[in-house]
Amino acid sequence: KLHLICIRTPNCIYRLVRSIIYIEVKLFFDAFNCTFRDKLVNAGKSKRKRLNSTFEEQQEQLRVLHEKFKEEVNQQLLGCKNSLEEFEAYHAELKAVAEKQKASHKKLLQHAESRVGSQLNDAEIKIAKVQKRARKKMNGLKHVLKELITDTAD
């Protein structure tokens, strides 16, 4: 969405500015042509030539200014496009690094879970062995106590 906005916005701005400049230049030429025609009608041949050359010079200057402006706007748009492409490349790189870290963390977590599970199993086995030995000793003590009680009772 950001990509579309960044592409559409400069294009829209360029089209808007281009149409505004076109309208202003057209209005200028219309007004200029109107006043220029009036002057030409009233002027003599030599005066007409001078005014015509002045008009052509101004028209050429205006055309050059328009070309420069168009070129500068295109350069700005190109700069925006390049910046956006760099941002997208950085975003893709960052996403790849995040995926690698996620996979690494998952692997570490699985390894830790297996180690903890194995340690718990070992602890349960040891506890069972200790309880078994304790029961045997308890049974042995009970047996010895029974014999001792029966011997002392006799």
N, C-alpha and C. Protein backbone atom coordinates (compact mmCIF):
# COMPACT_ATOMS: atom_id res chain seq x y z
N LYS A 1 0.84 -1.18 0.00
CA LYS A 1 0.00 0.00 0.00
C LYS A 1 0.88 1.25 0.00
N LEU A 2 1.93 1.23 0.84
CA LEU A 2 2.86 2.35 0.89
C LEU A 2 3.53 2.53 -0.46
N HIS A 3 3.86 1.40 -1.08
CA HIS A 3 4.51 1.46 -2.40
C HIS A 3 3.58 2.14 -3.41
N LEU A 4 2.30 1.77 -3.43
CA LEU A 4 1.35 2.36 -4.36
C LEU A 4 1.19 3.85 -4.09
N ILE A 5 1.13 4.22 -2.81
CA ILE A 5 0.97 5.63 -2.46
C ILE A 5 2.19 6.43 -2.91
N CYS A 6 3.38 5.87 -2.67
CA CYS A 6 4.61 6.57 -3.04
C CYS A 6 4.74 6.71 -4.56
N ILE A 7 4.21 5.75 -5.30
CA ILE A 7 4.29 5.83 -6.76
C ILE A 7 3.19 6.74 -7.30
N ARG A 8 1.98 6.58 -6.78
CA ARG A 8 0.86 7.36 -7.30
C ARG A 8 0.97 8.83 -6.93
N THR A 9 1.39 9.12 -5.70
CA THR A 9 1.42 10.50 -5.24
C THR A 9 2.34 11.37 -6.09
N PRO A 10 3.60 10.98 -6.35
CA PRO A 10 4.44 11.82 -7.22
C PRO A 10 3.87 11.93 -8.63
N ASN A 11 3.30 10.85 -9.14
CA ASN A 11 2.72 10.91 -10.48
C ASN A 11 1.55 11.88 -10.51
N CYS A 12 0.70 11.83 -9.48
CA CYS A 12 -0.44 12.75 -9.41
C CYS A 12 0.05 14.19 -9.30
N ILE A 13 1.06 14.40 -8.47
CA ILE A 13 1.61 15.75 -8.29
C ILE A 13 2.19 16.24 -9.62
N TYR A 14 2.91 15.36 -10.29
CA TYR A 14 3.51 15.73 -11.57
C TYR A 14 2.42 16.11 -12.56
N ARG A 15 1.38 15.27 -12.68
CA ARG A 15 0.30 15.57 -13.63
C ARG A 15 -0.40 16.87 -13.27
N LEU A 16 -0.64 17.10 -11.97
CA LEU A 16 -1.31 18.31 -11.53
C LEU A 16 -0.47 19.54 -11.86
N VAL A 17 0.81 19.49 -11.51
CA VAL A 17 1.70 20.62 -11.77
C VAL A 17 1.82 20.84 -13.28
N ARG A 18 1.92 19.77 -14.04
CA ARG A 18 2.03 19.88 -15.48
C ARG A 18 0.78 20.54 -16.07
N SER A 19 -0.40 20.14 -15.59
CA SER A 19 -1.62 20.74 -16.14
C SER A 19 -1.76 22.20 -15.72
N ILE A 20 -1.35 22.53 -14.48
CA ILE A 20 -1.41 23.93 -14.04
C ILE A 20 -0.48 24.79 -14.88
N ILE A 21 0.74 24.28 -15.08
CA ILE A 21 1.71 25.05 -15.88
C ILE A 21 1.20 25.18 -17.31
N TYR A 22 0.64 24.12 -17.84
CA TYR A 22 0.12 24.16 -19.20
C TYR A 22 -0.97 25.22 -19.32
N ILE A 23 -1.87 25.26 -18.34
CA ILE A 23 -2.97 26.25 -18.37
C ILE A 23 -2.40 27.66 -18.26
N GLU A 24 -1.45 27.85 -17.33
CA GLU A 24 -0.88 29.19 -17.16
C GLU A 24 -0.13 29.64 -18.43
N VAL A 25 0.62 28.72 -19.02
CA VAL A 25 1.36 29.06 -20.24
C VAL A 25 0.37 29.37 -21.36
N LYS A 26 -0.68 28.58 -21.47
CA LYS A 26 -1.69 28.81 -22.51
C LYS A 26 -2.36 30.17 -22.30
N LEU A 27 -2.72 30.48 -21.03
CA LEU A 27 -3.33 31.78 -20.75
C LEU A 27 -2.36 32.92 -21.09
N PHE A 28 -1.10 32.70 -20.75
CA PHE A 28 -0.10 33.72 -21.04
C PHE A 28 0.02 33.93 -22.54
N PHE A 29 0.10 32.81 -23.27
CA PHE A 29 0.21 32.92 -24.72
C PHE A 29 -1.04 33.56 -25.33
N ASP A 30 -2.21 33.18 -24.82
CA ASP A 30 -3.44 33.78 -25.35
C ASP A 30 -3.44 35.29 -25.13
N ALA A 31 -3.12 35.70 -23.89
CA ALA A 31 -3.08 37.13 -23.58
C ALA A 31 -1.98 37.82 -24.37
N PHE A 32 -0.86 37.15 -24.44
CA PHE A 32 0.28 37.73 -25.15
C PHE A 32 -0.03 37.84 -26.64
N ASN A 33 -0.61 36.78 -27.19
CA ASN A 33 -0.97 36.79 -28.61
C ASN A 33 -2.00 37.88 -28.91
N CYS A 34 -2.95 38.03 -27.98
CA CYS A 34 -3.99 39.05 -28.19
C CYS A 34 -3.38 40.45 -28.23
N THR A 35 -2.57 40.76 -27.22
CA THR A 35 -1.95 42.09 -27.19
C THR A 35 -0.92 42.23 -28.32
N PHE A 36 -0.25 41.14 -28.62
CA PHE A 36 0.75 41.16 -29.67
C PHE A 36 0.09 41.43 -31.02
N ARG A 37 -1.05 40.80 -31.27
CA ARG A 37 -1.77 41.02 -32.53
C ARG A 37 -2.20 42.49 -32.67
N ASP A 38 -2.68 43.04 -31.52
CA ASP A 38 -3.09 44.45 -31.56
C ASP A 38 -1.90 45.34 -31.94
N LYS A 39 -0.76 45.05 -31.37
CA LYS A 39 0.42 45.84 -31.66
C LYS A 39 0.85 45.67 -33.12
N LEU A 40 0.72 44.44 -33.61
CA LEU A 40 1.13 44.17 -34.99
C LEU A 40 0.25 44.92 -35.99
N VAL A 41 -1.02 44.99 -35.69
CA VAL A 41 -1.95 45.68 -36.61
C VAL A 41 -1.58 47.14 -36.71
N ASN A 42 -1.23 47.75 -35.59
CA ASN A 42 -0.95 49.18 -35.54
C ASN A 42 0.50 49.53 -35.92
N ALA A 43 1.36 48.56 -35.92
CA ALA A 43 2.78 48.85 -36.15
C ALA A 43 3.13 48.72 -37.63
N GLY A 44 4.26 49.27 -37.96
CA GLY A 44 4.75 49.17 -39.34
C GLY A 44 5.51 47.88 -39.52
N LYS A 45 6.01 47.66 -40.75
CA LYS A 45 6.70 46.42 -41.06
C LYS A 45 7.95 46.24 -40.21
N SER A 46 8.74 47.26 -40.02
CA SER A 46 9.97 47.13 -39.24
C SER A 46 9.65 46.86 -37.77
N LYS A 47 8.64 47.53 -37.30
CA LYS A 47 8.23 47.33 -35.92
C LYS A 47 7.69 45.92 -35.74
N ARG A 48 6.98 45.41 -36.74
CA ARG A 48 6.45 44.06 -36.68
C ARG A 48 7.58 43.03 -36.60
N LYS A 49 8.61 43.22 -37.38
CA LYS A 49 9.73 42.30 -37.35
C LYS A 49 10.40 42.27 -35.98
N ARG A 50 10.59 43.47 -35.40
CA ARG A 50 11.21 43.55 -34.07
C ARG A 50 10.33 42.87 -33.04
N LEU A 51 9.04 43.14 -33.06
CA LEU A 51 8.11 42.53 -32.10
C LEU A 51 8.02 41.02 -32.32
N ASN A 52 8.05 40.61 -33.55
CA ASN A 52 7.98 39.19 -33.86
C ASN A 52 9.22 38.47 -33.32
N SER A 53 10.39 39.07 -33.50
CA SER A 53 11.61 38.45 -32.99
C SER A 53 11.60 38.43 -31.46
N THR A 54 11.09 39.51 -30.84
CA THR A 54 10.98 39.54 -29.37
C THR A 54 10.04 38.44 -28.90
N PHE A 55 8.93 38.30 -29.58
CA PHE A 55 7.97 37.26 -29.23
C PHE A 55 8.60 35.87 -29.34
N GLU A 56 9.32 35.63 -30.42
CA GLU A 56 9.95 34.33 -30.61
C GLU A 56 11.01 34.06 -29.56
N GLU A 57 11.77 35.09 -29.17
CA GLU A 57 12.78 34.93 -28.12
C GLU A 57 12.12 34.57 -26.80
N GLN A 58 11.05 35.30 -26.48
CA GLN A 58 10.35 35.01 -25.23
C GLN A 58 9.72 33.61 -25.25
N GLN A 59 9.21 33.24 -26.40
CA GLN A 59 8.62 31.92 -26.54
C GLN A 59 9.69 30.84 -26.35
N GLU A 60 10.86 31.06 -26.89
CA GLU A 60 11.97 30.11 -26.74
C GLU A 60 12.42 30.04 -25.28
N GLN A 61 12.53 31.19 -24.63
CA GLN A 61 12.91 31.21 -23.22
C GLN A 61 11.89 30.44 -22.38
N LEU A 62 10.63 30.64 -22.67
CA LEU A 62 9.58 29.93 -21.95
C LEU A 62 9.67 28.43 -22.20
N ARG A 63 9.94 28.03 -23.43
CA ARG A 63 10.08 26.62 -23.75
C ARG A 63 11.26 26.00 -22.99
N VAL A 64 12.39 26.74 -22.93
CA VAL A 64 13.57 26.25 -22.22
C VAL A 64 13.26 26.11 -20.73
N LEU A 65 12.58 27.11 -20.15
CA LEU A 65 12.20 27.03 -18.73
C LEU A 65 11.29 25.83 -18.49
N HIS A 66 10.35 25.61 -19.37
CA HIS A 66 9.44 24.49 -19.22
C HIS A 66 10.19 23.16 -19.27
N GLU A 67 11.14 23.03 -20.17
CA GLU A 67 11.94 21.80 -20.28
C GLU A 67 12.76 21.57 -19.02
N LYS A 68 13.38 22.65 -18.49
CA LYS A 68 14.18 22.53 -17.27
C LYS A 68 13.30 22.08 -16.10
N PHE A 69 12.14 22.69 -15.99
CA PHE A 69 11.22 22.34 -14.91
C PHE A 69 10.81 20.87 -15.03
N LYS A 70 10.47 20.46 -16.24
CA LYS A 70 10.06 19.08 -16.47
C LYS A 70 11.19 18.12 -16.10
N GLU A 71 12.41 18.48 -16.46
CA GLU A 71 13.56 17.65 -16.15
C GLU A 71 13.79 17.55 -14.64
N GLU A 72 13.66 18.66 -13.93
CA GLU A 72 13.84 18.67 -12.48
C GLU A 72 12.77 17.83 -11.78
N VAL A 73 11.54 17.94 -12.25
CA VAL A 73 10.45 17.14 -11.66
C VAL A 73 10.73 15.65 -11.90
N ASN A 74 11.18 15.30 -13.09
CA ASN A 74 11.50 13.91 -13.38
C ASN A 74 12.64 13.40 -12.49
N GLN A 75 13.64 14.25 -12.24
CA GLN A 75 14.74 13.87 -11.36
C GLN A 75 14.24 13.61 -9.94
N GLN A 76 13.34 14.48 -9.46
CA GLN A 76 12.77 14.29 -8.12
C GLN A 76 11.98 12.99 -8.05
N LEU A 77 11.20 12.71 -9.06
CA LEU A 77 10.42 11.47 -9.09
C LEU A 77 11.33 10.25 -9.12
N LEU A 78 12.40 10.33 -9.88
CA LEU A 78 13.36 9.24 -9.95
C LEU A 78 14.02 9.02 -8.58
N GLY A 79 14.36 10.13 -7.91
CA GLY A 79 14.95 10.02 -6.57
C GLY A 79 13.99 9.35 -5.60
N CYS A 80 12.71 9.71 -5.67
CA CYS A 80 11.70 9.09 -4.80
C CYS A 80 11.59 7.59 -5.09
N LYS A 81 11.60 7.26 -6.36
CA LYS A 81 11.48 5.86 -6.75
C LYS A 81 12.69 5.06 -6.25
N ASN A 82 13.89 5.62 -6.40
CA ASN A 82 15.10 4.94 -5.93
C ASN A 82 15.08 4.76 -4.41
N SER A 83 14.64 5.79 -3.69
CA SER A 83 14.56 5.69 -2.24
C SER A 83 13.58 4.60 -1.83
N LEU A 84 12.48 4.54 -2.50
CA LEU A 84 11.47 3.52 -2.20
C LEU A 84 12.02 2.12 -2.48
N GLU A 85 12.73 1.96 -3.58
CA GLU A 85 13.32 0.66 -3.89
C GLU A 85 14.35 0.26 -2.84
N GLU A 86 15.16 1.22 -2.39
CA GLU A 86 16.14 0.93 -1.34
C GLU A 86 15.44 0.52 -0.05
N PHE A 87 14.36 1.22 0.27
CA PHE A 87 13.60 0.89 1.48
C PHE A 87 13.02 -0.51 1.38
N GLU A 88 12.49 -0.86 0.22
CA GLU A 88 11.92 -2.19 0.04
C GLU A 88 12.99 -3.27 0.15
N ALA A 89 14.17 -3.01 -0.40
CA ALA A 89 15.27 -3.97 -0.31
C ALA A 89 15.70 -4.15 1.14
N TYR A 90 15.79 -3.04 1.88
CA TYR A 90 16.15 -3.10 3.29
C TYR A 90 15.09 -3.88 4.07
N HIS A 91 13.83 -3.63 3.75
CA HIS A 91 12.73 -4.33 4.43
C HIS A 91 12.81 -5.83 4.17
N ALA A 92 13.08 -6.23 2.93
CA ALA A 92 13.20 -7.65 2.59
C ALA A 92 14.38 -8.28 3.32
N GLU A 93 15.49 -7.55 3.39
CA GLU A 93 16.67 -8.05 4.10
C GLU A 93 16.37 -8.22 5.58
N LEU A 94 15.71 -7.24 6.16
CA LEU A 94 15.36 -7.30 7.57
C LEU A 94 14.41 -8.46 7.83
N LYS A 95 13.48 -8.68 6.94
CA LYS A 95 12.52 -9.79 7.09
C LYS A 95 13.25 -11.13 7.05
N ALA A 96 14.22 -11.26 6.13
CA ALA A 96 14.99 -12.50 6.02
C ALA A 96 15.79 -12.76 7.30
N VAL A 97 16.39 -11.72 7.84
CA VAL A 97 17.16 -11.86 9.09
C VAL A 97 16.23 -12.28 10.23
N ALA A 98 15.04 -11.67 10.28
CA ALA A 98 14.07 -12.02 11.33
C ALA A 98 13.64 -13.48 11.20
N GLU A 99 13.44 -13.95 9.98
CA GLU A 99 13.05 -15.35 9.77
C GLU A 99 14.18 -16.29 10.23
N LYS A 100 15.43 -15.94 9.91
CA LYS A 100 16.56 -16.76 10.34
C LYS A 100 16.65 -16.82 11.85
N GLN A 101 16.47 -15.67 12.50
CA GLN A 101 16.51 -15.64 13.96
C GLN A 101 15.38 -16.46 14.55
N LYS A 102 14.22 -16.37 13.95
CA LYS A 102 13.07 -17.12 14.44
C LYS A 102 13.36 -18.62 14.36
N ALA A 103 13.91 -19.06 13.23
CA ALA A 103 14.24 -20.47 13.06
C ALA A 103 15.32 -20.90 14.05
N SER A 104 16.31 -20.05 14.27
CA SER A 104 17.37 -20.35 15.22
C SER A 104 16.82 -20.46 16.63
N HIS A 105 15.95 -19.51 17.00
CA HIS A 105 15.36 -19.55 18.35
C HIS A 105 14.49 -20.80 18.52
N LYS A 106 13.78 -21.18 17.48
CA LYS A 106 12.93 -22.37 17.55
C LYS A 106 13.79 -23.61 17.76
N LYS A 107 14.91 -23.68 17.03
CA LYS A 107 15.81 -24.82 17.16
C LYS A 107 16.41 -24.87 18.57
N LEU A 108 16.83 -23.71 19.08
CA LEU A 108 17.38 -23.67 20.44
C LEU A 108 16.35 -24.08 21.48
N LEU A 109 15.11 -23.63 21.31
CA LEU A 109 14.05 -23.98 22.23
C LEU A 109 13.77 -25.47 22.20
N GLN A 110 13.73 -26.06 21.01
CA GLN A 110 13.51 -27.50 20.90
C GLN A 110 14.65 -28.28 21.57
N HIS A 111 15.86 -27.82 21.36
CA HIS A 111 17.02 -28.48 21.98
C HIS A 111 16.93 -28.39 23.50
N ALA A 112 16.58 -27.19 24.00
CA ALA A 112 16.46 -27.01 25.45
C ALA A 112 15.32 -27.88 26.00
N GLU A 113 14.21 -27.96 25.29
CA GLU A 113 13.09 -28.80 25.74
C GLU A 113 13.50 -30.26 25.81
N SER A 114 14.23 -30.72 24.81
CA SER A 114 14.66 -32.12 24.82
C SER A 114 15.64 -32.39 25.96
N ARG A 115 16.55 -31.45 26.24
CA ARG A 115 17.49 -31.63 27.35
C ARG A 115 16.76 -31.65 28.68
N VAL A 116 15.81 -30.71 28.85
CA VAL A 116 15.05 -30.66 30.11
C VAL A 116 14.21 -31.92 30.26
N GLY A 117 13.59 -32.36 29.16
CA GLY A 117 12.80 -33.59 29.21
C GLY A 117 13.65 -34.78 29.59
N SER A 118 14.83 -34.88 29.01
CA SER A 118 15.74 -35.98 29.32
C SER A 118 16.18 -35.91 30.79
N GLN A 119 16.47 -34.71 31.29
CA GLN A 119 16.87 -34.55 32.69
C GLN A 119 15.72 -34.93 33.62
N LEU A 120 14.49 -34.55 33.24
CA LEU A 120 13.33 -34.94 34.06
C LEU A 120 13.16 -36.45 34.08
N ASN A 121 13.30 -37.10 32.95
CA ASN A 121 13.20 -38.57 32.91
C ASN A 121 14.27 -39.21 33.78
N ASP A 122 15.51 -38.72 33.68
CA ASP A 122 16.60 -39.25 34.51
C ASP A 122 16.29 -39.05 35.99
N ALA A 123 15.77 -37.86 36.33
CA ALA A 123 15.44 -37.57 37.74
C ALA A 123 14.32 -38.50 38.22
N GLU A 124 13.31 -38.74 37.38
CA GLU A 124 12.22 -39.63 37.78
C GLU A 124 12.72 -41.06 37.98
N ILE A 125 13.62 -41.50 37.11
CA ILE A 125 14.20 -42.85 37.25
C ILE A 125 14.99 -42.95 38.56
N LYS A 126 15.80 -41.93 38.85
CA LYS A 126 16.59 -41.93 40.09
C LYS A 126 15.69 -41.91 41.32
N ILE A 127 14.63 -41.08 41.24
CA ILE A 127 13.68 -41.01 42.37
C ILE A 127 13.01 -42.37 42.56
N ALA A 128 12.62 -43.03 41.49
CA ALA A 128 11.98 -44.35 41.59
C ALA A 128 12.94 -45.36 42.22
N LYS A 129 14.23 -45.30 41.79
CA LYS A 129 15.23 -46.22 42.37
C LYS A 129 15.41 -45.96 43.86
N VAL A 130 15.48 -44.66 44.24
CA VAL A 130 15.65 -44.31 45.66
C VAL A 130 14.43 -44.79 46.45
N GLN A 131 13.23 -44.58 45.90
CA GLN A 131 12.01 -45.02 46.60
C GLN A 131 11.98 -46.54 46.74
N LYS A 132 12.44 -47.25 45.70
CA LYS A 132 12.47 -48.71 45.76
C LYS A 132 13.43 -49.19 46.85
N ARG A 133 14.64 -48.55 46.88
CA ARG A 133 15.61 -48.92 47.93
C ARG A 133 15.07 -48.58 49.31
N ALA A 134 14.37 -47.41 49.40
CA ALA A 134 13.81 -47.00 50.69
C ALA A 134 12.74 -48.00 51.13
N ARG A 135 11.90 -48.50 50.20
CA ARG A 135 10.88 -49.49 50.55
C ARG A 135 11.51 -50.79 51.02
N LYS A 136 12.58 -51.20 50.28
CA LYS A 136 13.27 -52.43 50.69
C LYS A 136 13.85 -52.28 52.09
N LYS A 137 14.47 -51.14 52.34
CA LYS A 137 15.07 -50.92 53.67
C LYS A 137 13.98 -50.82 54.72
N MET A 138 12.85 -50.17 54.36
CA MET A 138 11.74 -50.04 55.30
C MET A 138 11.17 -51.41 55.62
N ASN A 139 11.01 -52.23 54.57
CA ASN A 139 10.52 -53.60 54.78
C ASN A 139 11.50 -54.40 55.63
N GLY A 140 12.78 -54.18 55.34
CA GLY A 140 13.81 -54.86 56.15
C GLY A 140 13.73 -54.41 57.59
N LEU A 141 13.55 -53.11 57.84
CA LEU A 141 13.43 -52.58 59.20
C LEU A 141 12.17 -53.12 59.88
N LYS A 142 11.10 -53.19 59.15
CA LYS A 142 9.85 -53.73 59.70
C LYS A 142 10.05 -55.18 60.12
N HIS A 143 10.72 -55.90 59.26
CA HIS A 143 10.97 -57.31 59.55
C HIS A 143 11.85 -57.45 60.79
N VAL A 144 12.90 -56.63 60.86
CA VAL A 144 13.80 -56.67 62.01
C VAL A 144 13.03 -56.26 63.27
N LEU A 145 12.17 -55.23 63.17
CA LEU A 145 11.38 -54.78 64.34
C LEU A 145 10.41 -55.88 64.80
N LYS A 146 9.79 -56.55 63.82
CA LYS A 146 8.88 -57.62 64.18
C LYS A 146 9.62 -58.72 64.92
N GLU A 147 10.79 -59.07 64.43
CA GLU A 147 11.58 -60.11 65.09
C GLU A 147 12.00 -59.64 66.46
N LEU A 148 12.39 -58.39 66.51
CA LEU A 148 12.83 -57.85 67.82
C LEU A 148 11.67 -57.81 68.81
N ILE A 149 10.49 -57.44 68.34
CA ILE A 149 9.32 -57.38 69.21
C ILE A 149 8.94 -58.82 69.64
N THR A 150 8.98 -59.73 68.69
CA THR A 150 8.64 -61.12 69.05
C THR A 150 9.69 -61.71 69.96
N ASP A 151 10.96 -61.39 69.78
CA ASP A 151 12.03 -61.89 70.65
C ASP A 151 11.91 -61.29 72.06
N THR A 152 11.57 -60.04 72.10
CA THR A 152 11.47 -59.39 73.43
C THR A 152 10.19 -59.80 74.13
N ALA A 153 9.18 -60.13 73.39
CA ALA A 153 7.93 -60.56 73.97
C ALA A 153 8.08 -61.98 74.53
N ASP A 154 8.95 -62.72 74.02
CA ASP A 154 9.15 -64.08 74.47
C ASP A 154 9.97 -64.06 75.67
